[in-house]
Amino acid sequence: QVQLVESGGGRVHPGGSLRLSCVASEFAFESYNMGWYRQASGNERELVAQITFNGGSTDYADSVKDRFTISRDNVKNTVYLQMNFLKPEDTAVYYCNAPSRIWSWGQGTQVTVSS
């Protein structure tokens, strides 16, 4: 059974940084583009960053461009999201998944940006 386990969230002040991790198992991780999604309270889940299967290309939502960096380690079956210059509007539960497949969602990791 496919598992996606997100971690690394927390509470930070505006301008702070966090690094999220997502460990994947039970599928050919190295063959799939991966993405980070977020869902704020009352909002739909949105894709904020994605990376190709080999890490050669990345893409970001305008709202996070130049602040967030997605990366992956295909040996560790892990995708990361480095988040810098965090804003209150980044507050959400963050999830990872494969955009072309959308496996069952993990539990996500809560990010709260507040002074």
N, C-alpha and C. Protein backbone atom coordinates (compact mmCIF):
# COMPACT_ATOMS: atom_id res chain seq x y z
N GLN A 1 0.85 -1.19 0.00
CA GLN A 1 0.00 0.00 0.00
C GLN A 1 0.88 1.24 0.00
N VAL A 2 0.58 2.17 -0.92
CA VAL A 2 1.37 3.38 -1.02
C VAL A 2 1.25 4.19 0.27
N GLN A 3 2.40 4.69 0.72
CA GLN A 3 2.40 5.56 1.90
C GLN A 3 3.16 6.83 1.59
N LEU A 4 2.61 7.94 2.02
CA LEU A 4 3.25 9.25 1.93
C LEU A 4 3.23 9.83 3.34
N VAL A 5 4.42 10.06 3.90
CA VAL A 5 4.50 10.51 5.28
C VAL A 5 5.24 11.84 5.33
N GLU A 6 4.48 12.89 5.62
CA GLU A 6 5.02 14.24 5.67
C GLU A 6 5.45 14.60 7.09
N SER A 7 6.49 15.42 7.19
CA SER A 7 6.96 15.88 8.49
C SER A 7 7.69 17.21 8.33
N GLY A 8 8.00 17.83 9.46
CA GLY A 8 8.80 19.05 9.44
C GLY A 8 8.03 20.33 9.67
N GLY A 9 6.73 20.26 9.76
CA GLY A 9 5.94 21.46 9.99
C GLY A 9 6.13 21.99 11.40
N GLY A 10 5.51 23.13 11.66
CA GLY A 10 5.60 23.74 12.97
C GLY A 10 5.06 25.15 12.95
N ARG A 11 5.32 25.86 14.02
CA ARG A 11 4.88 27.26 14.13
C ARG A 11 6.11 28.16 14.06
N VAL A 12 6.06 29.13 13.16
CA VAL A 12 7.17 30.08 13.02
C VAL A 12 6.63 31.49 12.90
N HIS A 13 7.51 32.44 13.16
CA HIS A 13 7.16 33.85 12.97
C HIS A 13 7.26 34.21 11.49
N PRO A 14 6.56 35.24 11.08
CA PRO A 14 6.74 35.72 9.70
C PRO A 14 8.21 36.00 9.42
N GLY A 15 8.63 35.59 8.23
CA GLY A 15 10.03 35.73 7.86
C GLY A 15 10.88 34.53 8.19
N GLY A 16 10.32 33.59 8.93
CA GLY A 16 11.05 32.39 9.32
C GLY A 16 11.13 31.36 8.22
N SER A 17 11.76 30.24 8.55
CA SER A 17 11.98 29.15 7.58
C SER A 17 11.60 27.81 8.19
N LEU A 18 11.22 26.91 7.31
CA LEU A 18 10.97 25.51 7.67
C LEU A 18 11.39 24.64 6.51
N ARG A 19 11.75 23.40 6.82
CA ARG A 19 12.05 22.43 5.77
C ARG A 19 11.15 21.22 5.99
N LEU A 20 10.29 20.97 5.01
CA LEU A 20 9.40 19.83 5.06
C LEU A 20 10.01 18.63 4.35
N SER A 21 9.67 17.45 4.82
CA SER A 21 10.10 16.20 4.19
C SER A 21 8.89 15.31 3.95
N CYS A 22 8.97 14.52 2.91
CA CYS A 22 7.93 13.54 2.62
C CYS A 22 8.62 12.26 2.18
N VAL A 23 8.42 11.21 2.95
CA VAL A 23 8.98 9.91 2.61
C VAL A 23 7.90 9.07 1.95
N ALA A 24 8.23 8.53 0.79
CA ALA A 24 7.28 7.73 0.01
C ALA A 24 7.69 6.27 0.02
N SER A 25 6.69 5.40 -0.04
CA SER A 25 7.00 3.97 -0.08
C SER A 25 5.93 3.23 -0.88
N GLU A 26 6.33 2.06 -1.34
CA GLU A 26 5.45 1.12 -2.04
C GLU A 26 5.03 1.59 -3.43
N PHE A 27 5.83 2.43 -4.05
CA PHE A 27 5.66 2.70 -5.48
C PHE A 27 7.01 3.15 -6.03
N ALA A 28 7.13 3.18 -7.35
CA ALA A 28 8.41 3.51 -7.99
C ALA A 28 8.63 5.01 -7.94
N PHE A 29 9.04 5.49 -6.79
CA PHE A 29 9.19 6.92 -6.53
C PHE A 29 10.02 7.60 -7.61
N GLU A 30 11.08 6.94 -8.02
CA GLU A 30 12.03 7.56 -8.96
C GLU A 30 11.43 7.75 -10.35
N SER A 31 10.27 7.19 -10.58
CA SER A 31 9.64 7.28 -11.91
C SER A 31 8.57 8.37 -12.00
N TYR A 32 8.28 8.99 -10.88
CA TYR A 32 7.17 9.93 -10.83
C TYR A 32 7.63 11.36 -10.53
N ASN A 33 7.05 12.31 -11.27
CA ASN A 33 7.14 13.69 -10.82
C ASN A 33 6.41 13.78 -9.47
N MET A 34 6.90 14.65 -8.61
CA MET A 34 6.29 14.80 -7.29
C MET A 34 5.94 16.26 -7.04
N GLY A 35 4.97 16.46 -6.18
CA GLY A 35 4.56 17.83 -5.88
C GLY A 35 4.26 18.01 -4.41
N TRP A 36 4.34 19.25 -3.98
CA TRP A 36 3.87 19.65 -2.65
C TRP A 36 2.58 20.45 -2.82
N TYR A 37 1.61 20.08 -2.02
CA TYR A 37 0.31 20.74 -2.02
C TYR A 37 0.09 21.36 -0.64
N ARG A 38 -0.84 22.28 -0.58
CA ARG A 38 -1.24 22.80 0.73
C ARG A 38 -2.74 23.08 0.73
N GLN A 39 -3.30 23.00 1.91
CA GLN A 39 -4.72 23.28 2.08
C GLN A 39 -4.90 24.12 3.34
N ALA A 40 -5.29 25.36 3.13
CA ALA A 40 -5.60 26.24 4.24
C ALA A 40 -7.04 26.01 4.67
N SER A 41 -7.33 26.34 5.90
CA SER A 41 -8.68 26.14 6.43
C SER A 41 -9.72 26.84 5.56
N GLY A 42 -10.71 26.08 5.10
CA GLY A 42 -11.78 26.64 4.29
C GLY A 42 -11.46 26.76 2.83
N ASN A 43 -10.25 26.39 2.44
CA ASN A 43 -9.83 26.50 1.03
C ASN A 43 -9.65 25.12 0.40
N GLU A 44 -9.60 25.12 -0.91
CA GLU A 44 -9.29 23.87 -1.62
C GLU A 44 -7.79 23.60 -1.57
N ARG A 45 -7.43 22.36 -1.74
CA ARG A 45 -6.02 21.99 -1.79
C ARG A 45 -5.42 22.53 -3.08
N GLU A 46 -4.22 23.11 -2.97
CA GLU A 46 -3.56 23.66 -4.15
C GLU A 46 -2.14 23.13 -4.26
N LEU A 47 -1.70 23.01 -5.51
CA LEU A 47 -0.33 22.57 -5.81
C LEU A 47 0.57 23.80 -5.75
N VAL A 48 1.61 23.75 -4.92
CA VAL A 48 2.48 24.92 -4.79
C VAL A 48 3.86 24.70 -5.40
N ALA A 49 4.29 23.45 -5.53
CA ALA A 49 5.61 23.20 -6.10
C ALA A 49 5.63 21.79 -6.67
N GLN A 50 6.37 21.61 -7.76
CA GLN A 50 6.52 20.28 -8.31
C GLN A 50 7.90 20.11 -8.91
N ILE A 51 8.32 18.85 -8.99
CA ILE A 51 9.66 18.51 -9.46
C ILE A 51 9.56 17.28 -10.34
N THR A 52 10.34 17.28 -11.42
CA THR A 52 10.30 16.12 -12.31
C THR A 52 10.92 14.90 -11.65
N PHE A 53 10.71 13.74 -12.26
CA PHE A 53 11.12 12.47 -11.67
C PHE A 53 12.62 12.41 -11.37
N ASN A 54 13.42 13.10 -12.20
CA ASN A 54 14.87 13.05 -12.00
C ASN A 54 15.41 14.32 -11.34
N GLY A 55 14.51 15.20 -10.93
CA GLY A 55 14.94 16.44 -10.29
C GLY A 55 15.46 17.49 -11.24
N GLY A 56 15.31 17.27 -12.52
CA GLY A 56 15.90 18.18 -13.49
C GLY A 56 15.14 19.46 -13.71
N SER A 57 13.89 19.49 -13.31
CA SER A 57 13.08 20.69 -13.54
C SER A 57 12.11 20.86 -12.38
N THR A 58 11.87 22.12 -12.04
CA THR A 58 10.93 22.44 -10.98
C THR A 58 9.97 23.53 -11.45
N ASP A 59 8.85 23.63 -10.76
CA ASP A 59 7.87 24.67 -11.08
C ASP A 59 7.16 25.06 -9.79
N TYR A 60 6.78 26.33 -9.71
CA TYR A 60 6.20 26.85 -8.49
C TYR A 60 4.97 27.70 -8.77
N ALA A 61 4.05 27.69 -7.83
CA ALA A 61 2.94 28.65 -7.88
C ALA A 61 3.51 30.05 -7.67
N ASP A 62 2.88 31.02 -8.27
CA ASP A 62 3.36 32.41 -8.15
C ASP A 62 3.45 32.85 -6.69
N SER A 63 2.56 32.34 -5.86
CA SER A 63 2.51 32.78 -4.47
C SER A 63 3.73 32.36 -3.66
N VAL A 64 4.48 31.36 -4.14
CA VAL A 64 5.63 30.87 -3.37
C VAL A 64 6.93 31.00 -4.14
N LYS A 65 6.86 31.43 -5.38
CA LYS A 65 8.06 31.52 -6.22
C LYS A 65 9.09 32.42 -5.55
N ASP A 66 10.34 32.01 -5.64
CA ASP A 66 11.49 32.73 -5.07
C ASP A 66 11.56 32.64 -3.55
N ARG A 67 10.63 31.94 -2.91
CA ARG A 67 10.69 31.72 -1.46
C ARG A 67 10.81 30.24 -1.10
N PHE A 68 10.18 29.39 -1.90
CA PHE A 68 10.17 27.95 -1.64
C PHE A 68 11.06 27.24 -2.66
N THR A 69 11.70 26.15 -2.23
CA THR A 69 12.52 25.33 -3.11
C THR A 69 12.18 23.87 -2.89
N ILE A 70 11.80 23.19 -3.97
CA ILE A 70 11.51 21.77 -3.90
C ILE A 70 12.73 20.99 -4.38
N SER A 71 13.00 19.87 -3.74
CA SER A 71 14.10 19.00 -4.14
C SER A 71 13.73 17.57 -3.80
N ARG A 72 14.54 16.63 -4.25
CA ARG A 72 14.24 15.22 -3.99
C ARG A 72 15.52 14.42 -3.90
N ASP A 73 15.41 13.29 -3.22
CA ASP A 73 16.49 12.32 -3.11
C ASP A 73 15.90 10.97 -3.48
N ASN A 74 16.20 10.50 -4.68
CA ASN A 74 15.60 9.25 -5.15
C ASN A 74 16.19 8.01 -4.48
N VAL A 75 17.29 8.16 -3.80
CA VAL A 75 17.84 7.04 -3.03
C VAL A 75 17.05 6.87 -1.73
N LYS A 76 16.68 8.00 -1.15
CA LYS A 76 15.93 7.97 0.11
C LYS A 76 14.41 8.00 -0.10
N ASN A 77 13.97 8.03 -1.36
CA ASN A 77 12.52 8.11 -1.65
C ASN A 77 11.88 9.28 -0.90
N THR A 78 12.54 10.41 -0.93
CA THR A 78 12.10 11.57 -0.16
C THR A 78 12.07 12.81 -1.03
N VAL A 79 11.02 13.60 -0.84
CA VAL A 79 10.92 14.91 -1.48
C VAL A 79 10.88 15.96 -0.37
N TYR A 80 11.55 17.07 -0.62
CA TYR A 80 11.69 18.13 0.38
C TYR A 80 11.06 19.43 -0.12
N LEU A 81 10.71 20.28 0.83
CA LEU A 81 10.28 21.63 0.51
C LEU A 81 10.93 22.58 1.50
N GLN A 82 11.89 23.34 1.01
CA GLN A 82 12.52 24.38 1.82
C GLN A 82 11.69 25.65 1.68
N MET A 83 11.21 26.14 2.80
CA MET A 83 10.34 27.32 2.78
C MET A 83 11.02 28.45 3.55
N ASN A 84 11.30 29.52 2.85
CA ASN A 84 11.94 30.69 3.44
C ASN A 84 11.01 31.89 3.36
N PHE A 85 11.31 32.90 4.18
CA PHE A 85 10.52 34.15 4.17
C PHE A 85 9.03 33.85 4.29
N LEU A 86 8.70 33.02 5.22
CA LEU A 86 7.32 32.58 5.37
C LEU A 86 6.41 33.75 5.75
N LYS A 87 5.18 33.67 5.23
CA LYS A 87 4.17 34.69 5.46
C LYS A 87 2.96 34.06 6.16
N PRO A 88 2.15 34.85 6.84
CA PRO A 88 0.95 34.28 7.47
C PRO A 88 0.05 33.53 6.48
N GLU A 89 0.02 33.98 5.25
CA GLU A 89 -0.83 33.32 4.25
C GLU A 89 -0.28 31.96 3.80
N ASP A 90 0.92 31.60 4.26
CA ASP A 90 1.44 30.26 3.99
C ASP A 90 0.90 29.25 5.00
N THR A 91 0.19 29.70 6.00
CA THR A 91 -0.39 28.80 6.99
C THR A 91 -1.34 27.81 6.33
N ALA A 92 -1.08 26.53 6.53
CA ALA A 92 -1.86 25.48 5.88
C ALA A 92 -1.33 24.12 6.33
N VAL A 93 -2.06 23.08 5.97
CA VAL A 93 -1.54 21.73 6.07
C VAL A 93 -0.88 21.40 4.73
N TYR A 94 0.34 20.91 4.78
CA TYR A 94 1.11 20.62 3.57
C TYR A 94 1.17 19.11 3.34
N TYR A 95 0.98 18.74 2.07
CA TYR A 95 0.98 17.34 1.66
C TYR A 95 1.89 17.17 0.44
N CYS A 96 2.37 15.94 0.26
CA CYS A 96 3.06 15.63 -0.99
C CYS A 96 2.25 14.57 -1.73
N ASN A 97 2.44 14.51 -3.04
CA ASN A 97 1.80 13.49 -3.86
C ASN A 97 2.39 13.57 -5.26
N ALA A 98 2.01 12.60 -6.08
CA ALA A 98 2.44 12.58 -7.47
C ALA A 98 1.32 13.18 -8.32
N PRO A 99 1.53 14.34 -8.93
CA PRO A 99 0.45 15.02 -9.66
C PRO A 99 -0.22 14.16 -10.74
N SER A 100 0.53 13.26 -11.35
CA SER A 100 -0.03 12.46 -12.44
C SER A 100 -0.80 11.26 -11.95
N ARG A 101 -0.70 10.98 -10.65
CA ARG A 101 -1.30 9.75 -10.14
C ARG A 101 -2.23 10.00 -8.97
N ILE A 102 -1.90 10.89 -8.08
CA ILE A 102 -2.63 11.21 -6.84
C ILE A 102 -2.95 9.95 -6.07
N TRP A 103 -1.95 9.49 -5.35
CA TRP A 103 -2.13 8.37 -4.42
C TRP A 103 -2.99 8.84 -3.25
N SER A 104 -3.34 7.93 -2.37
CA SER A 104 -4.08 8.31 -1.16
C SER A 104 -3.25 9.32 -0.38
N TRP A 105 -3.89 10.34 0.12
CA TRP A 105 -3.19 11.41 0.81
C TRP A 105 -2.66 10.95 2.17
N GLY A 106 -1.48 11.47 2.52
CA GLY A 106 -0.95 11.24 3.85
C GLY A 106 -1.66 12.12 4.86
N GLN A 107 -1.10 12.15 6.06
CA GLN A 107 -1.74 12.94 7.12
C GLN A 107 -1.39 14.42 7.02
N GLY A 108 -0.38 14.73 6.22
CA GLY A 108 0.04 16.12 6.08
C GLY A 108 0.83 16.60 7.29
N THR A 109 1.38 17.80 7.15
CA THR A 109 2.11 18.43 8.25
C THR A 109 1.67 19.89 8.35
N GLN A 110 1.33 20.31 9.54
CA GLN A 110 0.77 21.65 9.75
C GLN A 110 1.88 22.68 9.79
N VAL A 111 1.70 23.73 9.02
CA VAL A 111 2.59 24.90 9.06
C VAL A 111 1.76 26.09 9.49
N THR A 112 2.21 26.74 10.55
CA THR A 112 1.51 27.92 11.06
C THR A 112 2.50 29.08 11.12
N VAL A 113 2.18 30.16 10.45
CA VAL A 113 3.03 31.35 10.44
C VAL A 113 2.27 32.46 11.14
N SER A 114 2.79 32.83 12.29
CA SER A 114 2.07 33.80 13.11
C SER A 114 3.03 34.53 14.03
N SER A 115 2.75 35.79 14.27
CA SER A 115 3.56 36.54 15.20
C SER A 115 2.96 36.46 16.61
